N, C-alpha and C. Protein backbone atom coordinates (compact mmCIF):
# COMPACT_ATOMS: atom_id res chain seq x y z
N MET A 1 5.29 -12.05 -12.91
CA MET A 1 5.62 -12.69 -11.64
C MET A 1 6.83 -11.96 -11.04
N LEU A 2 6.72 -11.63 -9.76
CA LEU A 2 7.79 -10.92 -9.07
C LEU A 2 8.78 -11.92 -8.46
N ALA A 3 10.01 -11.49 -8.34
CA ALA A 3 11.11 -12.34 -7.87
C ALA A 3 11.06 -12.52 -6.36
N MET A 4 11.93 -13.45 -5.89
CA MET A 4 12.11 -13.60 -4.44
C MET A 4 12.60 -12.27 -3.88
N ASN A 5 12.39 -12.09 -2.60
CA ASN A 5 12.74 -10.83 -1.93
C ASN A 5 11.99 -9.65 -2.53
N SER A 6 10.76 -9.89 -2.93
CA SER A 6 9.91 -8.82 -3.46
C SER A 6 9.04 -8.24 -2.36
N VAL A 7 8.87 -6.94 -2.42
CA VAL A 7 7.94 -6.25 -1.53
C VAL A 7 6.96 -5.49 -2.41
N VAL A 8 5.68 -5.74 -2.18
CA VAL A 8 4.66 -4.97 -2.87
C VAL A 8 3.84 -4.22 -1.83
N LEU A 9 3.34 -3.08 -2.24
CA LEU A 9 2.48 -2.25 -1.39
C LEU A 9 1.10 -2.23 -2.02
N ILE A 10 0.09 -2.41 -1.19
CA ILE A 10 -1.30 -2.31 -1.63
C ILE A 10 -1.95 -1.18 -0.84
N ALA A 11 -2.41 -0.17 -1.55
CA ALA A 11 -3.12 0.95 -0.93
C ALA A 11 -4.60 0.78 -1.26
N HIS A 12 -5.39 0.43 -0.25
CA HIS A 12 -6.78 0.08 -0.48
C HIS A 12 -7.76 1.12 0.06
N ASN A 13 -8.64 1.56 -0.82
CA ASN A 13 -9.73 2.48 -0.48
C ASN A 13 -9.28 3.78 0.19
N LEU A 14 -8.19 4.35 -0.33
CA LEU A 14 -7.78 5.67 0.13
C LEU A 14 -8.58 6.71 -0.64
N ARG A 15 -8.82 7.83 -0.04
CA ARG A 15 -9.57 8.90 -0.71
C ARG A 15 -8.67 10.03 -1.22
N SER A 16 -7.60 10.30 -0.52
CA SER A 16 -6.77 11.46 -0.80
C SER A 16 -5.77 11.21 -1.94
N THR A 17 -5.86 12.04 -2.98
CA THR A 17 -4.89 11.94 -4.07
C THR A 17 -3.51 12.31 -3.58
N HIS A 18 -3.43 13.22 -2.62
CA HIS A 18 -2.12 13.60 -2.08
C HIS A 18 -1.49 12.44 -1.32
N ASN A 19 -2.28 11.68 -0.60
CA ASN A 19 -1.75 10.49 0.06
C ASN A 19 -1.27 9.47 -0.97
N VAL A 20 -2.02 9.31 -2.04
CA VAL A 20 -1.62 8.36 -3.09
C VAL A 20 -0.29 8.79 -3.71
N GLY A 21 -0.16 10.05 -4.05
CA GLY A 21 1.09 10.54 -4.63
C GLY A 21 2.26 10.37 -3.69
N SER A 22 2.04 10.67 -2.43
CA SER A 22 3.10 10.52 -1.43
C SER A 22 3.47 9.05 -1.23
N LEU A 23 2.47 8.16 -1.26
CA LEU A 23 2.76 6.72 -1.15
C LEU A 23 3.58 6.23 -2.34
N LEU A 24 3.24 6.69 -3.54
CA LEU A 24 4.00 6.28 -4.72
C LEU A 24 5.45 6.76 -4.60
N ARG A 25 5.63 7.97 -4.15
CA ARG A 25 6.98 8.53 -3.97
C ARG A 25 7.75 7.75 -2.91
N THR A 26 7.09 7.44 -1.80
CA THR A 26 7.71 6.67 -0.73
C THR A 26 8.08 5.27 -1.21
N ALA A 27 7.16 4.61 -1.90
CA ALA A 27 7.40 3.26 -2.40
C ALA A 27 8.58 3.24 -3.36
N GLU A 28 8.63 4.21 -4.24
CA GLU A 28 9.74 4.28 -5.20
C GLU A 28 11.06 4.51 -4.46
N GLY A 29 11.06 5.41 -3.50
CA GLY A 29 12.27 5.73 -2.75
C GLY A 29 12.79 4.57 -1.91
N LEU A 30 11.90 3.70 -1.48
CA LEU A 30 12.31 2.56 -0.64
C LEU A 30 12.46 1.27 -1.43
N GLY A 31 12.36 1.35 -2.74
CA GLY A 31 12.62 0.18 -3.58
C GLY A 31 11.52 -0.87 -3.60
N VAL A 32 10.28 -0.45 -3.37
CA VAL A 32 9.15 -1.38 -3.46
C VAL A 32 9.05 -1.87 -4.90
N ASN A 33 8.84 -3.17 -5.08
CA ASN A 33 8.84 -3.75 -6.43
C ASN A 33 7.59 -3.40 -7.23
N LYS A 34 6.45 -3.28 -6.56
CA LYS A 34 5.21 -2.92 -7.25
C LYS A 34 4.23 -2.37 -6.24
N THR A 35 3.42 -1.43 -6.70
CA THR A 35 2.37 -0.86 -5.86
C THR A 35 1.04 -1.08 -6.55
N TYR A 36 0.07 -1.53 -5.77
CA TYR A 36 -1.29 -1.72 -6.27
C TYR A 36 -2.19 -0.69 -5.61
N LEU A 37 -2.96 0.01 -6.41
CA LEU A 37 -3.94 0.97 -5.92
C LEU A 37 -5.29 0.30 -6.13
N THR A 38 -5.96 -0.06 -5.03
CA THR A 38 -7.13 -0.91 -5.13
C THR A 38 -8.39 -0.24 -4.59
N GLY A 39 -9.52 -0.85 -4.95
CA GLY A 39 -10.80 -0.31 -4.52
C GLY A 39 -11.04 1.04 -5.16
N TYR A 40 -11.51 1.99 -4.38
CA TYR A 40 -11.79 3.33 -4.92
C TYR A 40 -10.59 4.28 -4.81
N THR A 41 -9.43 3.76 -4.49
CA THR A 41 -8.23 4.59 -4.43
C THR A 41 -8.00 5.27 -5.78
N PRO A 42 -7.80 6.59 -5.78
CA PRO A 42 -7.51 7.26 -7.05
C PRO A 42 -6.15 6.81 -7.59
N TYR A 43 -6.01 6.87 -8.91
CA TYR A 43 -4.78 6.41 -9.54
C TYR A 43 -4.41 7.32 -10.71
N PRO A 44 -3.12 7.35 -11.08
CA PRO A 44 -2.68 8.19 -12.20
C PRO A 44 -3.32 7.74 -13.52
N SER A 45 -3.29 8.62 -14.49
CA SER A 45 -3.82 8.31 -15.82
C SER A 45 -3.01 7.21 -16.48
N THR A 46 -3.69 6.44 -17.31
CA THR A 46 -3.03 5.40 -18.10
C THR A 46 -3.48 5.52 -19.55
N ASP A 47 -2.76 4.85 -20.45
CA ASP A 47 -3.13 4.87 -21.87
C ASP A 47 -4.48 4.21 -22.12
N THR A 48 -4.85 3.28 -21.27
CA THR A 48 -6.11 2.55 -21.45
C THR A 48 -7.16 2.98 -20.42
N ASP A 49 -7.05 4.19 -19.93
CA ASP A 49 -7.94 4.72 -18.89
C ASP A 49 -9.39 4.72 -19.37
N THR A 50 -10.29 4.19 -18.56
CA THR A 50 -11.71 4.18 -18.91
C THR A 50 -12.50 5.29 -18.20
N ARG A 51 -11.81 6.07 -17.35
CA ARG A 51 -12.49 7.17 -16.67
C ARG A 51 -12.73 8.30 -17.66
N LEU A 52 -13.67 9.17 -17.35
CA LEU A 52 -13.88 10.36 -18.17
C LEU A 52 -12.58 11.15 -18.22
N PRO A 53 -12.19 11.63 -19.40
CA PRO A 53 -10.89 12.29 -19.54
C PRO A 53 -10.65 13.43 -18.55
N HIS A 54 -11.67 14.27 -18.30
CA HIS A 54 -11.44 15.39 -17.39
C HIS A 54 -11.23 14.91 -15.95
N ILE A 55 -11.85 13.82 -15.57
CA ILE A 55 -11.65 13.27 -14.23
C ILE A 55 -10.26 12.65 -14.12
N ALA A 56 -9.86 11.89 -15.12
CA ALA A 56 -8.53 11.27 -15.11
C ALA A 56 -7.44 12.34 -15.05
N ARG A 57 -7.60 13.41 -15.82
CA ARG A 57 -6.60 14.50 -15.82
C ARG A 57 -6.53 15.19 -14.46
N LYS A 58 -7.69 15.45 -13.87
CA LYS A 58 -7.74 16.12 -12.56
C LYS A 58 -7.04 15.28 -11.50
N LEU A 59 -7.38 13.99 -11.44
CA LEU A 59 -6.76 13.11 -10.44
C LEU A 59 -5.27 12.96 -10.69
N ASP A 60 -4.89 12.84 -11.95
CA ASP A 60 -3.48 12.71 -12.31
C ASP A 60 -2.69 13.93 -11.85
N LYS A 61 -3.24 15.09 -12.06
CA LYS A 61 -2.57 16.34 -11.65
C LYS A 61 -2.40 16.40 -10.13
N GLN A 62 -3.44 15.99 -9.40
CA GLN A 62 -3.38 16.03 -7.94
C GLN A 62 -2.38 15.00 -7.40
N ILE A 63 -2.36 13.81 -7.99
CA ILE A 63 -1.42 12.77 -7.55
C ILE A 63 0.01 13.20 -7.83
N SER A 64 0.24 13.75 -9.02
CA SER A 64 1.61 14.11 -9.39
C SER A 64 2.15 15.26 -8.56
N LYS A 65 1.28 16.03 -7.93
CA LYS A 65 1.73 17.13 -7.07
C LYS A 65 2.61 16.63 -5.93
N THR A 66 2.28 15.47 -5.37
CA THR A 66 3.10 14.92 -4.28
C THR A 66 3.99 13.77 -4.74
N ALA A 67 3.63 13.09 -5.83
CA ALA A 67 4.45 11.98 -6.32
C ALA A 67 5.74 12.50 -6.96
N LEU A 68 5.70 13.69 -7.52
CA LEU A 68 6.86 14.32 -8.15
C LEU A 68 7.56 13.42 -9.18
N GLY A 69 6.76 12.73 -9.99
CA GLY A 69 7.32 11.90 -11.05
C GLY A 69 7.46 10.43 -10.68
N ALA A 70 7.32 10.09 -9.41
CA ALA A 70 7.45 8.69 -8.99
C ALA A 70 6.41 7.81 -9.66
N GLU A 71 5.26 8.38 -9.99
CA GLU A 71 4.20 7.61 -10.64
C GLU A 71 4.64 7.10 -12.01
N ASN A 72 5.66 7.73 -12.59
CA ASN A 72 6.19 7.31 -13.88
C ASN A 72 7.43 6.41 -13.75
N MET A 73 7.95 6.29 -12.55
CA MET A 73 9.17 5.51 -12.32
C MET A 73 8.89 4.17 -11.63
N LEU A 74 7.74 4.05 -11.04
CA LEU A 74 7.38 2.90 -10.21
C LEU A 74 6.42 2.00 -10.97
N ASP A 75 6.59 0.71 -10.81
CA ASP A 75 5.65 -0.25 -11.38
C ASP A 75 4.41 -0.25 -10.49
N TRP A 76 3.28 0.17 -11.05
CA TRP A 76 2.03 0.22 -10.29
C TRP A 76 0.90 -0.28 -11.16
N ASP A 77 -0.18 -0.66 -10.51
CA ASP A 77 -1.36 -1.13 -11.22
C ASP A 77 -2.59 -0.76 -10.40
N HIS A 78 -3.72 -0.64 -11.07
CA HIS A 78 -4.99 -0.38 -10.39
C HIS A 78 -5.86 -1.63 -10.48
N SER A 79 -6.48 -1.97 -9.37
CA SER A 79 -7.37 -3.13 -9.33
C SER A 79 -8.54 -2.80 -8.42
N VAL A 80 -9.75 -3.04 -8.89
CA VAL A 80 -10.92 -2.81 -8.06
C VAL A 80 -11.13 -3.96 -7.09
N ASP A 81 -10.76 -5.17 -7.51
CA ASP A 81 -11.05 -6.39 -6.76
C ASP A 81 -9.87 -6.83 -5.89
N LEU A 82 -9.81 -6.32 -4.66
CA LEU A 82 -8.70 -6.67 -3.77
C LEU A 82 -8.69 -8.14 -3.37
N PRO A 83 -9.82 -8.76 -3.04
CA PRO A 83 -9.75 -10.20 -2.71
C PRO A 83 -9.12 -11.04 -3.83
N ALA A 84 -9.45 -10.75 -5.08
CA ALA A 84 -8.85 -11.50 -6.20
C ALA A 84 -7.35 -11.24 -6.26
N LEU A 85 -6.92 -9.99 -6.04
CA LEU A 85 -5.50 -9.66 -6.05
C LEU A 85 -4.77 -10.39 -4.92
N ILE A 86 -5.37 -10.42 -3.74
CA ILE A 86 -4.76 -11.13 -2.61
C ILE A 86 -4.58 -12.60 -2.95
N ASN A 87 -5.60 -13.20 -3.51
CA ASN A 87 -5.49 -14.62 -3.90
C ASN A 87 -4.38 -14.83 -4.92
N GLU A 88 -4.28 -13.94 -5.90
CA GLU A 88 -3.24 -14.04 -6.92
C GLU A 88 -1.84 -13.93 -6.30
N LEU A 89 -1.68 -12.97 -5.39
CA LEU A 89 -0.38 -12.80 -4.73
C LEU A 89 -0.03 -14.01 -3.86
N LYS A 90 -1.00 -14.56 -3.18
CA LYS A 90 -0.75 -15.76 -2.37
C LYS A 90 -0.32 -16.93 -3.25
N LEU A 91 -0.94 -17.06 -4.43
CA LEU A 91 -0.55 -18.12 -5.36
C LEU A 91 0.89 -17.93 -5.85
N GLN A 92 1.36 -16.68 -5.86
CA GLN A 92 2.74 -16.38 -6.25
C GLN A 92 3.70 -16.51 -5.07
N GLY A 93 3.20 -16.92 -3.91
CA GLY A 93 4.07 -17.14 -2.76
C GLY A 93 4.22 -15.97 -1.82
N PHE A 94 3.40 -14.95 -1.96
CA PHE A 94 3.49 -13.78 -1.08
C PHE A 94 2.80 -14.04 0.24
N THR A 95 3.38 -13.51 1.31
CA THR A 95 2.72 -13.41 2.60
C THR A 95 2.03 -12.06 2.60
N VAL A 96 0.73 -12.04 2.85
CA VAL A 96 -0.05 -10.81 2.82
C VAL A 96 -0.21 -10.30 4.25
N VAL A 97 0.26 -9.07 4.45
CA VAL A 97 0.33 -8.49 5.79
C VAL A 97 -0.44 -7.18 5.83
N GLY A 98 -1.37 -7.08 6.76
CA GLY A 98 -2.10 -5.83 6.96
C GLY A 98 -1.38 -4.96 7.98
N LEU A 99 -1.24 -3.69 7.68
CA LEU A 99 -0.67 -2.74 8.64
C LEU A 99 -1.84 -2.16 9.42
N GLU A 100 -2.10 -2.76 10.56
CA GLU A 100 -3.31 -2.42 11.31
C GLU A 100 -3.17 -2.84 12.77
N GLN A 101 -3.81 -2.09 13.65
CA GLN A 101 -3.83 -2.44 15.07
C GLN A 101 -4.95 -3.45 15.30
N THR A 102 -4.57 -4.67 15.66
CA THR A 102 -5.54 -5.71 16.00
C THR A 102 -5.02 -6.44 17.25
N PRO A 103 -5.86 -7.22 17.90
CA PRO A 103 -5.39 -7.95 19.08
C PRO A 103 -4.24 -8.91 18.76
N ASP A 104 -4.14 -9.37 17.51
CA ASP A 104 -3.09 -10.33 17.13
C ASP A 104 -1.92 -9.70 16.38
N SER A 105 -1.91 -8.38 16.24
CA SER A 105 -0.83 -7.73 15.49
C SER A 105 0.52 -7.95 16.13
N LYS A 106 1.51 -8.15 15.28
CA LYS A 106 2.90 -8.23 15.75
C LYS A 106 3.45 -6.81 15.76
N GLN A 107 4.33 -6.53 16.70
CA GLN A 107 4.94 -5.21 16.78
C GLN A 107 5.98 -5.07 15.66
N LEU A 108 5.89 -4.01 14.91
CA LEU A 108 6.77 -3.81 13.75
C LEU A 108 8.26 -3.90 14.08
N PRO A 109 8.73 -3.32 15.18
CA PRO A 109 10.18 -3.39 15.43
C PRO A 109 10.75 -4.79 15.53
N SER A 110 9.94 -5.76 15.96
CA SER A 110 10.45 -7.12 16.10
C SER A 110 9.95 -8.05 14.98
N TYR A 111 9.25 -7.51 14.01
CA TYR A 111 8.67 -8.32 12.94
C TYR A 111 9.74 -8.81 11.97
N LYS A 112 9.69 -10.10 11.64
CA LYS A 112 10.60 -10.71 10.67
C LYS A 112 9.83 -10.92 9.36
N PRO A 113 10.11 -10.10 8.35
CA PRO A 113 9.34 -10.20 7.11
C PRO A 113 9.67 -11.44 6.28
N ALA A 114 8.67 -11.92 5.58
CA ALA A 114 8.84 -13.04 4.65
C ALA A 114 9.64 -12.57 3.44
N ASP A 115 10.17 -13.52 2.67
CA ASP A 115 10.93 -13.18 1.46
C ASP A 115 10.07 -12.44 0.44
N LYS A 116 8.83 -12.84 0.31
CA LYS A 116 7.89 -12.18 -0.60
C LYS A 116 6.73 -11.66 0.24
N LEU A 117 6.64 -10.34 0.34
CA LEU A 117 5.69 -9.73 1.25
C LEU A 117 4.83 -8.70 0.53
N ALA A 118 3.53 -8.77 0.78
CA ALA A 118 2.59 -7.76 0.28
C ALA A 118 2.01 -7.04 1.49
N LEU A 119 2.29 -5.75 1.59
CA LEU A 119 1.82 -4.94 2.72
C LEU A 119 0.59 -4.15 2.29
N ILE A 120 -0.49 -4.30 3.06
CA ILE A 120 -1.72 -3.57 2.78
C ILE A 120 -1.88 -2.43 3.77
N VAL A 121 -2.15 -1.24 3.25
CA VAL A 121 -2.56 -0.10 4.07
C VAL A 121 -3.98 0.27 3.64
N GLY A 122 -4.77 0.76 4.59
CA GLY A 122 -6.17 1.01 4.29
C GLY A 122 -6.61 2.43 4.52
N ARG A 123 -7.90 2.59 4.54
CA ARG A 123 -8.57 3.89 4.60
C ARG A 123 -7.94 4.83 5.63
N GLU A 124 -7.92 6.11 5.27
CA GLU A 124 -7.24 7.10 6.10
C GLU A 124 -7.76 7.15 7.53
N ALA A 125 -9.05 7.14 7.75
CA ALA A 125 -9.58 7.27 9.11
C ALA A 125 -9.94 5.94 9.75
N GLU A 126 -10.47 5.02 8.97
CA GLU A 126 -10.98 3.78 9.54
C GLU A 126 -10.03 2.60 9.44
N GLY A 127 -9.00 2.69 8.63
CA GLY A 127 -8.07 1.59 8.48
C GLY A 127 -8.58 0.52 7.53
N ILE A 128 -8.04 -0.67 7.65
CA ILE A 128 -8.38 -1.78 6.76
C ILE A 128 -9.69 -2.42 7.23
N GLU A 129 -10.59 -2.67 6.28
CA GLU A 129 -11.88 -3.28 6.59
C GLU A 129 -11.70 -4.68 7.17
N PRO A 130 -12.56 -5.09 8.11
CA PRO A 130 -12.46 -6.42 8.72
C PRO A 130 -12.45 -7.56 7.70
N GLU A 131 -13.24 -7.46 6.65
CA GLU A 131 -13.28 -8.54 5.66
C GLU A 131 -11.96 -8.66 4.89
N ILE A 132 -11.22 -7.57 4.76
CA ILE A 132 -9.90 -7.60 4.12
C ILE A 132 -8.87 -8.14 5.11
N LEU A 133 -8.96 -7.71 6.37
CA LEU A 133 -8.05 -8.23 7.40
C LEU A 133 -8.17 -9.75 7.52
N ALA A 134 -9.38 -10.27 7.33
CA ALA A 134 -9.59 -11.72 7.42
C ALA A 134 -8.83 -12.47 6.32
N LEU A 135 -8.52 -11.79 5.20
CA LEU A 135 -7.78 -12.41 4.10
C LEU A 135 -6.27 -12.32 4.29
N CYS A 136 -5.83 -11.52 5.25
CA CYS A 136 -4.39 -11.35 5.49
C CYS A 136 -3.82 -12.55 6.25
N ASP A 137 -2.56 -12.85 5.96
CA ASP A 137 -1.88 -13.92 6.68
C ASP A 137 -1.51 -13.49 8.09
N GLU A 138 -1.23 -12.20 8.26
CA GLU A 138 -0.88 -11.65 9.57
C GLU A 138 -1.03 -10.13 9.52
N THR A 139 -0.97 -9.53 10.70
CA THR A 139 -1.01 -8.07 10.80
C THR A 139 0.17 -7.59 11.62
N VAL A 140 0.62 -6.40 11.29
CA VAL A 140 1.68 -5.75 12.06
C VAL A 140 1.19 -4.36 12.45
N GLU A 141 1.74 -3.85 13.52
CA GLU A 141 1.38 -2.50 13.94
C GLU A 141 2.61 -1.75 14.42
N ILE A 142 2.51 -0.45 14.35
CA ILE A 142 3.58 0.43 14.83
C ILE A 142 3.23 0.82 16.26
N PRO A 143 4.11 0.56 17.22
CA PRO A 143 3.82 0.93 18.61
C PRO A 143 3.65 2.45 18.73
N MET A 144 2.60 2.85 19.41
CA MET A 144 2.34 4.27 19.62
C MET A 144 2.89 4.67 20.99
N ARG A 145 3.65 5.73 21.04
CA ARG A 145 4.26 6.17 22.29
C ARG A 145 3.54 7.39 22.89
N GLY A 146 2.86 8.15 22.04
CA GLY A 146 2.15 9.35 22.50
C GLY A 146 0.70 9.06 22.80
N SER A 147 -0.11 10.10 22.80
CA SER A 147 -1.52 9.93 23.13
C SER A 147 -2.39 9.69 21.90
N LYS A 148 -1.88 9.93 20.70
CA LYS A 148 -2.64 9.66 19.48
C LYS A 148 -2.73 8.15 19.28
N GLU A 149 -3.80 7.72 18.60
CA GLU A 149 -4.03 6.29 18.41
C GLU A 149 -3.43 5.74 17.12
N SER A 150 -3.10 6.63 16.18
CA SER A 150 -2.57 6.13 14.91
C SER A 150 -1.80 7.23 14.19
N PHE A 151 -1.08 6.81 13.14
CA PHE A 151 -0.35 7.73 12.27
C PHE A 151 -1.13 7.92 10.97
N ASN A 152 -0.79 8.96 10.22
CA ASN A 152 -1.30 9.14 8.87
C ASN A 152 -0.89 7.92 8.05
N VAL A 153 -1.71 7.52 7.09
CA VAL A 153 -1.47 6.31 6.31
C VAL A 153 -0.11 6.35 5.60
N VAL A 154 0.30 7.51 5.12
CA VAL A 154 1.58 7.60 4.41
C VAL A 154 2.74 7.45 5.38
N GLN A 155 2.67 8.12 6.53
CA GLN A 155 3.75 8.00 7.50
C GLN A 155 3.84 6.56 8.03
N ALA A 156 2.70 5.94 8.27
CA ALA A 156 2.69 4.56 8.75
C ALA A 156 3.29 3.62 7.69
N ALA A 157 2.89 3.81 6.44
CA ALA A 157 3.44 2.97 5.37
C ALA A 157 4.94 3.18 5.24
N ALA A 158 5.38 4.42 5.34
CA ALA A 158 6.81 4.71 5.22
C ALA A 158 7.61 4.03 6.33
N MET A 159 7.11 4.11 7.56
CA MET A 159 7.81 3.46 8.67
C MET A 159 7.86 1.95 8.47
N ALA A 160 6.73 1.36 8.10
CA ALA A 160 6.68 -0.09 7.92
C ALA A 160 7.55 -0.54 6.76
N LEU A 161 7.45 0.15 5.63
CA LEU A 161 8.26 -0.24 4.47
C LEU A 161 9.75 -0.07 4.75
N TYR A 162 10.11 0.97 5.49
CA TYR A 162 11.51 1.16 5.83
C TYR A 162 12.01 -0.01 6.68
N GLN A 163 11.24 -0.37 7.70
CA GLN A 163 11.63 -1.51 8.56
C GLN A 163 11.72 -2.80 7.75
N ILE A 164 10.74 -3.02 6.90
CA ILE A 164 10.69 -4.26 6.11
C ILE A 164 11.83 -4.33 5.10
N THR A 165 12.08 -3.24 4.38
CA THR A 165 13.15 -3.26 3.37
C THR A 165 14.53 -3.23 4.02
N LEU A 166 14.64 -2.67 5.20
CA LEU A 166 15.90 -2.64 5.93
C LEU A 166 16.36 -4.07 6.30
N ARG A 167 15.40 -4.92 6.56
CA ARG A 167 15.70 -6.27 7.02
C ARG A 167 15.84 -7.28 5.89
N ARG A 168 15.95 -6.85 4.69
CA ARG A 168 16.04 -7.76 3.54
C ARG A 168 17.47 -8.01 3.17
């Protein structure tokens, strides 16, 4: 069970091992209490890894290229079942927040984070699936000033986590 003023990051259905490594490094640097790698998101090797050894080693090597050791310093876990994880976090008192552009999203600069917050980031190109967004308590978005519609998942997570941890 995580303490009050806890921030957890959930990276759901990411494909890029480099994004995963960079997210782990970012989360560690910003003091995130725990990171969950969910769905088909690749994850570092573990002692109880059930993947084929050569696949686990390959993914581990790719993740560590950008994580630079953060994968060994940060509390992280892998879970295939995100809805069950969301329910578990809500039972622990977490507010579950999707980082996504929706009609109801709150603008990140003015967002007031809860004491216990779980931030979900989703797929690199498509974002968080609608069925996962439906399980979130709220959504936040980063205002876009240029002509692009979104940021890379790691840059978006870094901006959001910085704003959230800054206000704690």
